[in-house]
Amino acid sequence: MSCGLAVATVLMLANPDVVLAASLDPAMVPADLSGLNSEPLFVDIVSRSGRLKAVAEGWEASGAVHAPNFLTGREWLDFRTEATALSELDMQGHLILKSRESQGDMTCILRGLSEDMPKRIADMEAAGTPETRDLALSELVHLFDDNIAVITAPAQTFPE
């Protein structure tokens, strides 16, 4: 079994929102993705992103990320676990939208967010200076913000 399939299976068993989103008939979902922000999986992604963004912004404001042993403390380890779970949900969102043959950039954006989040977490942990740690944290905040924006933005139509 591939790692991706194993993760997908675990998420489906652990999160009923993933099962619900995957079970929707693609023919019943609008091609323009309107209303997506009311589906439980995507509501969960937005909620988690907002919570993680607020935590990271709090660290930015307080400078807590520069405390000795910050990256080995419970607060960071819990945050990393939650961010990793969010990354996996983004990938599930990508796979579900792809299975629906949805039009638009959201499918690709969710995949990109899923792939970038672990990299930014690794950047945080590899940062050797306060400046590089600040930059890595700032990039995480932007990912969380993008996660919220891509799902909650109203559907757009473009003139032909």
N, C-alpha and C. Protein backbone atom coordinates (compact mmCIF):
# COMPACT_ATOMS: atom_id res chain seq x y z
N MET A 1 0.85 -1.17 0.00
CA MET A 1 0.00 0.00 0.00
C MET A 1 0.90 1.23 0.00
N SER A 2 0.60 2.20 -0.88
CA SER A 2 1.40 3.41 -0.92
C SER A 2 1.15 4.25 0.32
N CYS A 3 2.11 5.12 0.62
CA CYS A 3 1.96 6.00 1.79
C CYS A 3 0.74 6.89 1.65
N GLY A 4 0.53 7.43 0.43
CA GLY A 4 -0.61 8.31 0.21
C GLY A 4 -1.93 7.60 0.45
N LEU A 5 -2.02 6.37 -0.01
CA LEU A 5 -3.23 5.60 0.19
C LEU A 5 -3.43 5.28 1.67
N ALA A 6 -2.34 4.98 2.35
CA ALA A 6 -2.43 4.69 3.78
C ALA A 6 -2.92 5.92 4.54
N VAL A 7 -2.37 7.10 4.22
CA VAL A 7 -2.80 8.34 4.88
C VAL A 7 -4.26 8.61 4.57
N ALA A 8 -4.65 8.44 3.31
CA ALA A 8 -6.04 8.67 2.93
C ALA A 8 -6.98 7.75 3.69
N THR A 9 -6.59 6.49 3.83
CA THR A 9 -7.42 5.53 4.56
C THR A 9 -7.56 5.92 6.02
N VAL A 10 -6.45 6.29 6.64
CA VAL A 10 -6.48 6.70 8.05
C VAL A 10 -7.36 7.93 8.22
N LEU A 11 -7.21 8.92 7.34
CA LEU A 11 -8.02 10.13 7.44
C LEU A 11 -9.50 9.82 7.26
N MET A 12 -9.80 8.97 6.31
CA MET A 12 -11.21 8.65 6.08
C MET A 12 -11.81 7.96 7.29
N LEU A 13 -11.04 7.12 7.93
CA LEU A 13 -11.55 6.43 9.11
C LEU A 13 -11.63 7.36 10.31
N ALA A 14 -10.75 8.35 10.37
CA ALA A 14 -10.67 9.22 11.53
C ALA A 14 -11.55 10.46 11.43
N ASN A 15 -11.89 10.87 10.22
CA ASN A 15 -12.60 12.12 10.05
C ASN A 15 -13.86 11.90 9.22
N PRO A 16 -15.03 11.95 9.84
CA PRO A 16 -16.25 11.71 9.08
C PRO A 16 -16.50 12.76 8.01
N ASP A 17 -15.91 13.96 8.14
CA ASP A 17 -16.09 15.00 7.12
C ASP A 17 -15.45 14.59 5.80
N VAL A 18 -14.32 13.88 5.87
CA VAL A 18 -13.66 13.39 4.65
C VAL A 18 -14.56 12.38 3.97
N VAL A 19 -15.13 11.46 4.74
CA VAL A 19 -16.01 10.44 4.19
C VAL A 19 -17.22 11.11 3.54
N LEU A 20 -17.80 12.10 4.21
CA LEU A 20 -18.96 12.79 3.67
C LEU A 20 -18.62 13.49 2.36
N ALA A 21 -17.51 14.23 2.34
CA ALA A 21 -17.12 14.95 1.13
C ALA A 21 -16.85 13.99 -0.02
N ALA A 22 -16.22 12.88 0.28
CA ALA A 22 -15.91 11.90 -0.76
C ALA A 22 -17.16 11.20 -1.27
N SER A 23 -18.19 11.15 -0.45
CA SER A 23 -19.40 10.42 -0.83
C SER A 23 -20.36 11.25 -1.68
N LEU A 24 -20.13 12.56 -1.77
CA LEU A 24 -21.04 13.40 -2.53
C LEU A 24 -20.97 13.05 -4.01
N ASP A 25 -22.11 13.00 -4.64
CA ASP A 25 -22.19 12.70 -6.06
C ASP A 25 -21.64 13.90 -6.84
N PRO A 26 -20.59 13.70 -7.63
CA PRO A 26 -20.01 14.82 -8.38
C PRO A 26 -21.04 15.57 -9.23
N ALA A 27 -22.04 14.88 -9.72
CA ALA A 27 -23.06 15.53 -10.53
C ALA A 27 -23.90 16.52 -9.73
N MET A 28 -23.92 16.36 -8.42
CA MET A 28 -24.73 17.23 -7.56
C MET A 28 -23.94 18.43 -7.03
N VAL A 29 -22.65 18.48 -7.31
CA VAL A 29 -21.80 19.56 -6.82
C VAL A 29 -21.57 20.55 -7.95
N PRO A 30 -21.85 21.83 -7.72
CA PRO A 30 -21.66 22.81 -8.80
C PRO A 30 -20.21 22.83 -9.28
N ALA A 31 -20.03 22.93 -10.60
CA ALA A 31 -18.70 22.93 -11.19
C ALA A 31 -17.89 24.14 -10.75
N ASP A 32 -18.57 25.25 -10.42
CA ASP A 32 -17.83 26.46 -10.05
C ASP A 32 -17.43 26.47 -8.57
N LEU A 33 -17.70 25.40 -7.86
CA LEU A 33 -17.34 25.23 -6.45
C LEU A 33 -18.08 26.16 -5.51
N SER A 34 -19.15 26.80 -6.00
CA SER A 34 -19.92 27.64 -5.08
C SER A 34 -20.52 26.74 -4.00
N GLY A 35 -20.54 27.23 -2.82
CA GLY A 35 -21.09 26.46 -1.71
C GLY A 35 -20.11 25.51 -1.06
N LEU A 36 -18.91 25.44 -1.59
CA LEU A 36 -17.91 24.54 -1.04
C LEU A 36 -17.61 24.89 0.42
N ASN A 37 -17.64 26.18 0.72
CA ASN A 37 -17.32 26.61 2.08
C ASN A 37 -18.39 26.22 3.10
N SER A 38 -19.44 25.54 2.65
CA SER A 38 -20.43 25.04 3.61
C SER A 38 -20.31 23.53 3.80
N GLU A 39 -19.46 22.87 3.03
CA GLU A 39 -19.25 21.43 3.21
C GLU A 39 -18.39 21.21 4.45
N PRO A 40 -18.75 20.25 5.29
CA PRO A 40 -18.05 20.04 6.57
C PRO A 40 -16.53 19.90 6.46
N LEU A 41 -16.03 19.18 5.46
CA LEU A 41 -14.58 19.03 5.33
C LEU A 41 -13.91 20.38 5.14
N PHE A 42 -14.47 21.21 4.29
CA PHE A 42 -13.86 22.49 3.99
C PHE A 42 -14.09 23.50 5.12
N VAL A 43 -15.20 23.37 5.83
CA VAL A 43 -15.42 24.18 7.04
C VAL A 43 -14.34 23.82 8.07
N ASP A 44 -14.05 22.53 8.20
CA ASP A 44 -13.02 22.07 9.13
C ASP A 44 -11.65 22.63 8.74
N ILE A 45 -11.33 22.61 7.46
CA ILE A 45 -10.05 23.14 7.00
C ILE A 45 -9.94 24.62 7.34
N VAL A 46 -11.00 25.38 7.09
CA VAL A 46 -10.99 26.82 7.40
C VAL A 46 -10.85 27.04 8.90
N SER A 47 -11.58 26.27 9.70
CA SER A 47 -11.52 26.42 11.15
C SER A 47 -10.12 26.12 11.69
N ARG A 48 -9.55 25.01 11.25
CA ARG A 48 -8.20 24.65 11.69
C ARG A 48 -7.18 25.70 11.26
N SER A 49 -7.32 26.17 10.03
CA SER A 49 -6.40 27.18 9.52
C SER A 49 -6.47 28.46 10.35
N GLY A 50 -7.69 28.87 10.68
CA GLY A 50 -7.86 30.08 11.48
C GLY A 50 -7.26 29.94 12.87
N ARG A 51 -7.45 28.77 13.47
CA ARG A 51 -6.90 28.53 14.81
C ARG A 51 -5.38 28.52 14.77
N LEU A 52 -4.79 27.83 13.80
CA LEU A 52 -3.32 27.76 13.70
C LEU A 52 -2.74 29.12 13.35
N LYS A 53 -3.43 29.85 12.50
CA LYS A 53 -2.96 31.20 12.14
C LYS A 53 -2.91 32.09 13.38
N ALA A 54 -3.96 32.03 14.20
CA ALA A 54 -4.01 32.85 15.41
C ALA A 54 -2.87 32.49 16.37
N VAL A 55 -2.59 31.21 16.52
CA VAL A 55 -1.49 30.78 17.39
C VAL A 55 -0.16 31.31 16.86
N ALA A 56 0.06 31.12 15.56
CA ALA A 56 1.33 31.56 14.96
C ALA A 56 1.48 33.08 15.04
N GLU A 57 0.40 33.80 14.82
CA GLU A 57 0.47 35.26 14.93
C GLU A 57 0.76 35.69 16.37
N GLY A 58 0.22 34.95 17.32
CA GLY A 58 0.52 35.23 18.72
C GLY A 58 2.01 35.04 19.02
N TRP A 59 2.59 33.99 18.45
CA TRP A 59 4.03 33.77 18.61
C TRP A 59 4.83 34.87 17.95
N GLU A 60 4.37 35.32 16.78
CA GLU A 60 5.06 36.42 16.09
C GLU A 60 5.06 37.67 16.96
N ALA A 61 3.90 37.99 17.50
CA ALA A 61 3.75 39.21 18.29
C ALA A 61 4.55 39.16 19.59
N SER A 62 4.57 38.00 20.23
CA SER A 62 5.22 37.89 21.53
C SER A 62 6.70 37.54 21.44
N GLY A 63 7.13 37.04 20.29
CA GLY A 63 8.51 36.58 20.16
C GLY A 63 8.74 35.23 20.83
N ALA A 64 7.67 34.53 21.16
CA ALA A 64 7.79 33.24 21.86
C ALA A 64 8.63 32.22 21.09
N VAL A 65 8.66 32.33 19.78
CA VAL A 65 9.41 31.36 18.98
C VAL A 65 10.91 31.43 19.22
N HIS A 66 11.35 32.47 19.90
CA HIS A 66 12.78 32.63 20.17
C HIS A 66 13.17 32.17 21.58
N ALA A 67 12.19 31.68 22.31
CA ALA A 67 12.48 31.18 23.65
C ALA A 67 13.35 29.92 23.56
N PRO A 68 14.24 29.74 24.52
CA PRO A 68 15.05 28.51 24.53
C PRO A 68 14.15 27.28 24.56
N ASN A 69 14.50 26.29 23.80
CA ASN A 69 13.78 25.01 23.75
C ASN A 69 12.36 25.11 23.21
N PHE A 70 12.04 26.21 22.52
CA PHE A 70 10.69 26.37 21.98
C PHE A 70 10.30 25.19 21.09
N LEU A 71 11.22 24.77 20.22
CA LEU A 71 10.92 23.72 19.25
C LEU A 71 10.84 22.32 19.85
N THR A 72 11.18 22.19 21.10
CA THR A 72 11.03 20.90 21.77
C THR A 72 9.90 20.93 22.80
N GLY A 73 9.27 22.08 22.93
CA GLY A 73 8.18 22.24 23.90
C GLY A 73 6.85 21.70 23.39
N ARG A 74 5.97 21.43 24.30
CA ARG A 74 4.66 20.86 23.99
C ARG A 74 3.86 21.75 23.05
N GLU A 75 3.93 23.07 23.24
CA GLU A 75 3.14 23.98 22.41
C GLU A 75 3.52 23.83 20.93
N TRP A 76 4.83 23.82 20.64
CA TRP A 76 5.27 23.65 19.25
C TRP A 76 4.93 22.26 18.73
N LEU A 77 5.17 21.24 19.53
CA LEU A 77 4.92 19.87 19.08
C LEU A 77 3.43 19.66 18.77
N ASP A 78 2.55 20.21 19.58
CA ASP A 78 1.12 20.13 19.31
C ASP A 78 0.76 20.90 18.03
N PHE A 79 1.34 22.08 17.88
CA PHE A 79 1.11 22.90 16.70
C PHE A 79 1.55 22.15 15.44
N ARG A 80 2.74 21.57 15.49
CA ARG A 80 3.27 20.82 14.35
C ARG A 80 2.34 19.65 14.00
N THR A 81 1.86 18.96 15.00
CA THR A 81 0.93 17.84 14.76
C THR A 81 -0.35 18.34 14.09
N GLU A 82 -0.90 19.44 14.59
CA GLU A 82 -2.12 19.99 14.01
C GLU A 82 -1.89 20.50 12.59
N ALA A 83 -0.76 21.16 12.35
CA ALA A 83 -0.45 21.66 11.01
C ALA A 83 -0.26 20.50 10.03
N THR A 84 0.34 19.43 10.48
CA THR A 84 0.51 18.25 9.64
C THR A 84 -0.84 17.63 9.30
N ALA A 85 -1.73 17.57 10.28
CA ALA A 85 -3.08 17.05 10.03
C ALA A 85 -3.82 17.95 9.04
N LEU A 86 -3.65 19.26 9.15
CA LEU A 86 -4.26 20.19 8.21
C LEU A 86 -3.72 19.96 6.80
N SER A 87 -2.43 19.75 6.70
CA SER A 87 -1.82 19.46 5.41
C SER A 87 -2.46 18.22 4.78
N GLU A 88 -2.69 17.21 5.59
CA GLU A 88 -3.31 15.97 5.09
C GLU A 88 -4.76 16.22 4.67
N LEU A 89 -5.47 17.07 5.40
CA LEU A 89 -6.84 17.40 5.01
C LEU A 89 -6.87 18.19 3.70
N ASP A 90 -5.89 19.07 3.53
CA ASP A 90 -5.79 19.80 2.26
C ASP A 90 -5.62 18.83 1.10
N MET A 91 -4.78 17.80 1.30
CA MET A 91 -4.59 16.81 0.24
C MET A 91 -5.88 16.04 0.00
N GLN A 92 -6.61 15.72 1.06
CA GLN A 92 -7.89 15.04 0.88
C GLN A 92 -8.85 15.94 0.11
N GLY A 93 -8.87 17.23 0.44
CA GLY A 93 -9.70 18.17 -0.31
C GLY A 93 -9.32 18.19 -1.78
N HIS A 94 -8.03 18.21 -2.04
CA HIS A 94 -7.53 18.18 -3.43
C HIS A 94 -8.03 16.92 -4.14
N LEU A 95 -7.86 15.76 -3.50
CA LEU A 95 -8.24 14.50 -4.13
C LEU A 95 -9.75 14.42 -4.36
N ILE A 96 -10.51 14.94 -3.42
CA ILE A 96 -11.97 14.92 -3.56
C ILE A 96 -12.40 15.83 -4.71
N LEU A 97 -11.84 17.04 -4.76
CA LEU A 97 -12.19 17.95 -5.85
C LEU A 97 -11.76 17.38 -7.20
N LYS A 98 -10.60 16.76 -7.21
CA LYS A 98 -10.12 16.14 -8.44
C LYS A 98 -11.07 15.03 -8.89
N SER A 99 -11.56 14.23 -7.93
CA SER A 99 -12.49 13.15 -8.28
C SER A 99 -13.81 13.70 -8.80
N ARG A 100 -14.15 14.91 -8.42
CA ARG A 100 -15.38 15.55 -8.90
C ARG A 100 -15.17 16.23 -10.24
N GLU A 101 -13.92 16.23 -10.70
CA GLU A 101 -13.55 16.90 -11.93
C GLU A 101 -13.94 18.38 -11.87
N SER A 102 -13.69 18.99 -10.72
CA SER A 102 -14.02 20.39 -10.50
C SER A 102 -13.16 21.28 -11.38
N GLN A 103 -13.77 22.33 -11.84
CA GLN A 103 -13.05 23.32 -12.64
C GLN A 103 -12.48 24.37 -11.70
N GLY A 104 -11.37 24.96 -12.07
CA GLY A 104 -10.81 26.03 -11.26
C GLY A 104 -9.49 25.66 -10.64
N ASP A 105 -8.91 26.64 -10.00
CA ASP A 105 -7.58 26.49 -9.44
C ASP A 105 -7.57 25.87 -8.04
N MET A 106 -8.72 25.80 -7.39
CA MET A 106 -8.73 25.37 -5.99
C MET A 106 -8.13 23.98 -5.82
N THR A 107 -8.39 23.09 -6.76
CA THR A 107 -7.84 21.74 -6.65
C THR A 107 -6.33 21.78 -6.55
N CYS A 108 -5.70 22.55 -7.43
CA CYS A 108 -4.24 22.66 -7.44
C CYS A 108 -3.73 23.44 -6.23
N ILE A 109 -4.45 24.46 -5.83
CA ILE A 109 -4.02 25.26 -4.69
C ILE A 109 -4.01 24.42 -3.43
N LEU A 110 -5.05 23.62 -3.22
CA LEU A 110 -5.08 22.76 -2.03
C LEU A 110 -3.91 21.78 -2.03
N ARG A 111 -3.58 21.26 -3.19
CA ARG A 111 -2.43 20.35 -3.26
C ARG A 111 -1.15 21.11 -2.91
N GLY A 112 -1.00 22.29 -3.45
CA GLY A 112 0.18 23.10 -3.16
C GLY A 112 0.30 23.43 -1.68
N LEU A 113 -0.82 23.80 -1.06
CA LEU A 113 -0.80 24.09 0.37
C LEU A 113 -0.41 22.85 1.16
N SER A 114 -0.95 21.71 0.75
CA SER A 114 -0.63 20.46 1.43
C SER A 114 0.86 20.14 1.33
N GLU A 115 1.43 20.39 0.18
CA GLU A 115 2.85 20.08 -0.02
C GLU A 115 3.76 21.11 0.65
N ASP A 116 3.32 22.37 0.71
CA ASP A 116 4.16 23.43 1.28
C ASP A 116 4.21 23.41 2.80
N MET A 117 3.11 23.03 3.44
CA MET A 117 3.06 23.11 4.90
C MET A 117 4.17 22.32 5.60
N PRO A 118 4.40 21.06 5.24
CA PRO A 118 5.50 20.33 5.89
C PRO A 118 6.86 20.97 5.63
N LYS A 119 7.02 21.58 4.47
CA LYS A 119 8.29 22.25 4.15
C LYS A 119 8.49 23.46 5.06
N ARG A 120 7.44 24.22 5.30
CA ARG A 120 7.55 25.41 6.16
C ARG A 120 7.77 25.00 7.62
N ILE A 121 7.17 23.90 8.03
CA ILE A 121 7.42 23.38 9.38
C ILE A 121 8.88 22.98 9.50
N ALA A 122 9.40 22.30 8.49
CA ALA A 122 10.81 21.91 8.48
C ALA A 122 11.71 23.15 8.48
N ASP A 123 11.31 24.19 7.76
CA ASP A 123 12.08 25.45 7.76
C ASP A 123 12.14 26.04 9.16
N MET A 124 11.01 25.99 9.86
CA MET A 124 11.00 26.50 11.25
C MET A 124 12.01 25.74 12.09
N GLU A 125 12.00 24.43 11.95
CA GLU A 125 12.86 23.60 12.79
C GLU A 125 14.33 23.68 12.40
N ALA A 126 14.60 24.06 11.15
CA ALA A 126 15.97 24.17 10.67
C ALA A 126 16.53 25.59 10.82
N ALA A 127 15.69 26.54 11.14
CA ALA A 127 16.12 27.94 11.21
C ALA A 127 17.25 28.11 12.23
N GLY A 128 18.33 28.69 11.75
CA GLY A 128 19.50 28.85 12.62
C GLY A 128 19.62 30.23 13.24
N THR A 129 18.80 31.16 12.77
CA THR A 129 18.85 32.52 13.30
C THR A 129 17.44 32.99 13.62
N PRO A 130 17.32 33.99 14.47
CA PRO A 130 15.98 34.54 14.74
C PRO A 130 15.30 35.04 13.47
N GLU A 131 16.07 35.61 12.56
CA GLU A 131 15.49 36.14 11.32
C GLU A 131 14.92 35.02 10.45
N THR A 132 15.66 33.91 10.33
CA THR A 132 15.14 32.82 9.50
C THR A 132 13.95 32.13 10.16
N ARG A 133 13.94 32.09 11.47
CA ARG A 133 12.78 31.51 12.16
C ARG A 133 11.56 32.42 12.00
N ASP A 134 11.78 33.73 12.10
CA ASP A 134 10.68 34.68 11.89
C ASP A 134 10.12 34.55 10.47
N LEU A 135 11.01 34.40 9.49
CA LEU A 135 10.57 34.26 8.11
C LEU A 135 9.77 32.97 7.93
N ALA A 136 10.25 31.88 8.48
CA ALA A 136 9.55 30.61 8.37
C ALA A 136 8.17 30.68 9.02
N LEU A 137 8.09 31.31 10.17
CA LEU A 137 6.81 31.45 10.86
C LEU A 137 5.86 32.34 10.04
N SER A 138 6.39 33.40 9.49
CA SER A 138 5.59 34.29 8.65
C SER A 138 5.04 33.55 7.44
N GLU A 139 5.84 32.69 6.85
CA GLU A 139 5.37 31.91 5.71
C GLU A 139 4.30 30.91 6.11
N LEU A 140 4.39 30.36 7.31
CA LEU A 140 3.32 29.49 7.81
C LEU A 140 2.02 30.28 7.96
N VAL A 141 2.13 31.48 8.52
CA VAL A 141 0.94 32.32 8.68
C VAL A 141 0.29 32.57 7.32
N HIS A 142 1.11 32.85 6.31
CA HIS A 142 0.57 33.09 4.96
C HIS A 142 -0.12 31.84 4.41
N LEU A 143 0.45 30.66 4.66
CA LEU A 143 -0.20 29.43 4.20
C LEU A 143 -1.57 29.24 4.85
N PHE A 144 -1.65 29.51 6.16
CA PHE A 144 -2.93 29.37 6.84
C PHE A 144 -3.94 30.38 6.29
N ASP A 145 -3.46 31.59 6.04
CA ASP A 145 -4.32 32.63 5.48
C ASP A 145 -4.80 32.23 4.08
N ASP A 146 -3.89 31.72 3.26
CA ASP A 146 -4.26 31.26 1.92
C ASP A 146 -5.27 30.13 1.99
N ASN A 147 -5.10 29.24 2.96
CA ASN A 147 -6.02 28.12 3.14
C ASN A 147 -7.44 28.63 3.38
N ILE A 148 -7.55 29.66 4.19
CA ILE A 148 -8.85 30.25 4.49
C ILE A 148 -9.41 30.95 3.26
N ALA A 149 -8.57 31.76 2.63
CA ALA A 149 -9.02 32.58 1.51
C ALA A 149 -9.48 31.76 0.32
N VAL A 150 -8.75 30.69 0.00
CA VAL A 150 -9.09 29.92 -1.19
C VAL A 150 -10.45 29.24 -1.05
N ILE A 151 -10.82 28.89 0.16
CA ILE A 151 -12.10 28.19 0.37
C ILE A 151 -13.25 29.18 0.57
N THR A 152 -12.99 30.30 1.22
CA THR A 152 -14.08 31.22 1.55
C THR A 152 -14.30 32.30 0.50
N ALA A 153 -13.38 32.45 -0.43
CA ALA A 153 -13.56 33.46 -1.48
C ALA A 153 -14.77 33.12 -2.32
N PRO A 154 -15.55 34.12 -2.67
CA PRO A 154 -16.71 33.82 -3.53
C PRO A 154 -16.22 33.31 -4.90
N ALA A 155 -17.02 32.43 -5.47
CA ALA A 155 -16.69 31.91 -6.81
C ALA A 155 -16.65 33.07 -7.79
N GLN A 156 -15.70 33.02 -8.67
CA GLN A 156 -15.56 34.09 -9.66
C GLN A 156 -15.80 33.55 -11.04
N THR A 157 -16.39 34.38 -11.85
CA THR A 157 -16.52 34.05 -13.27
C THR A 157 -15.76 35.08 -14.04
N PHE A 158 -15.18 34.67 -15.11
CA PHE A 158 -14.37 35.58 -15.92
C PHE A 158 -14.99 35.68 -17.31
N PRO A 159 -15.02 36.90 -17.86
CA PRO A 159 -15.59 37.06 -19.20
C PRO A 159 -14.75 36.30 -20.22
N GLU A 160 -15.43 35.81 -21.23
CA GLU A 160 -14.70 35.05 -22.26
C GLU A 160 -14.15 35.96 -23.31
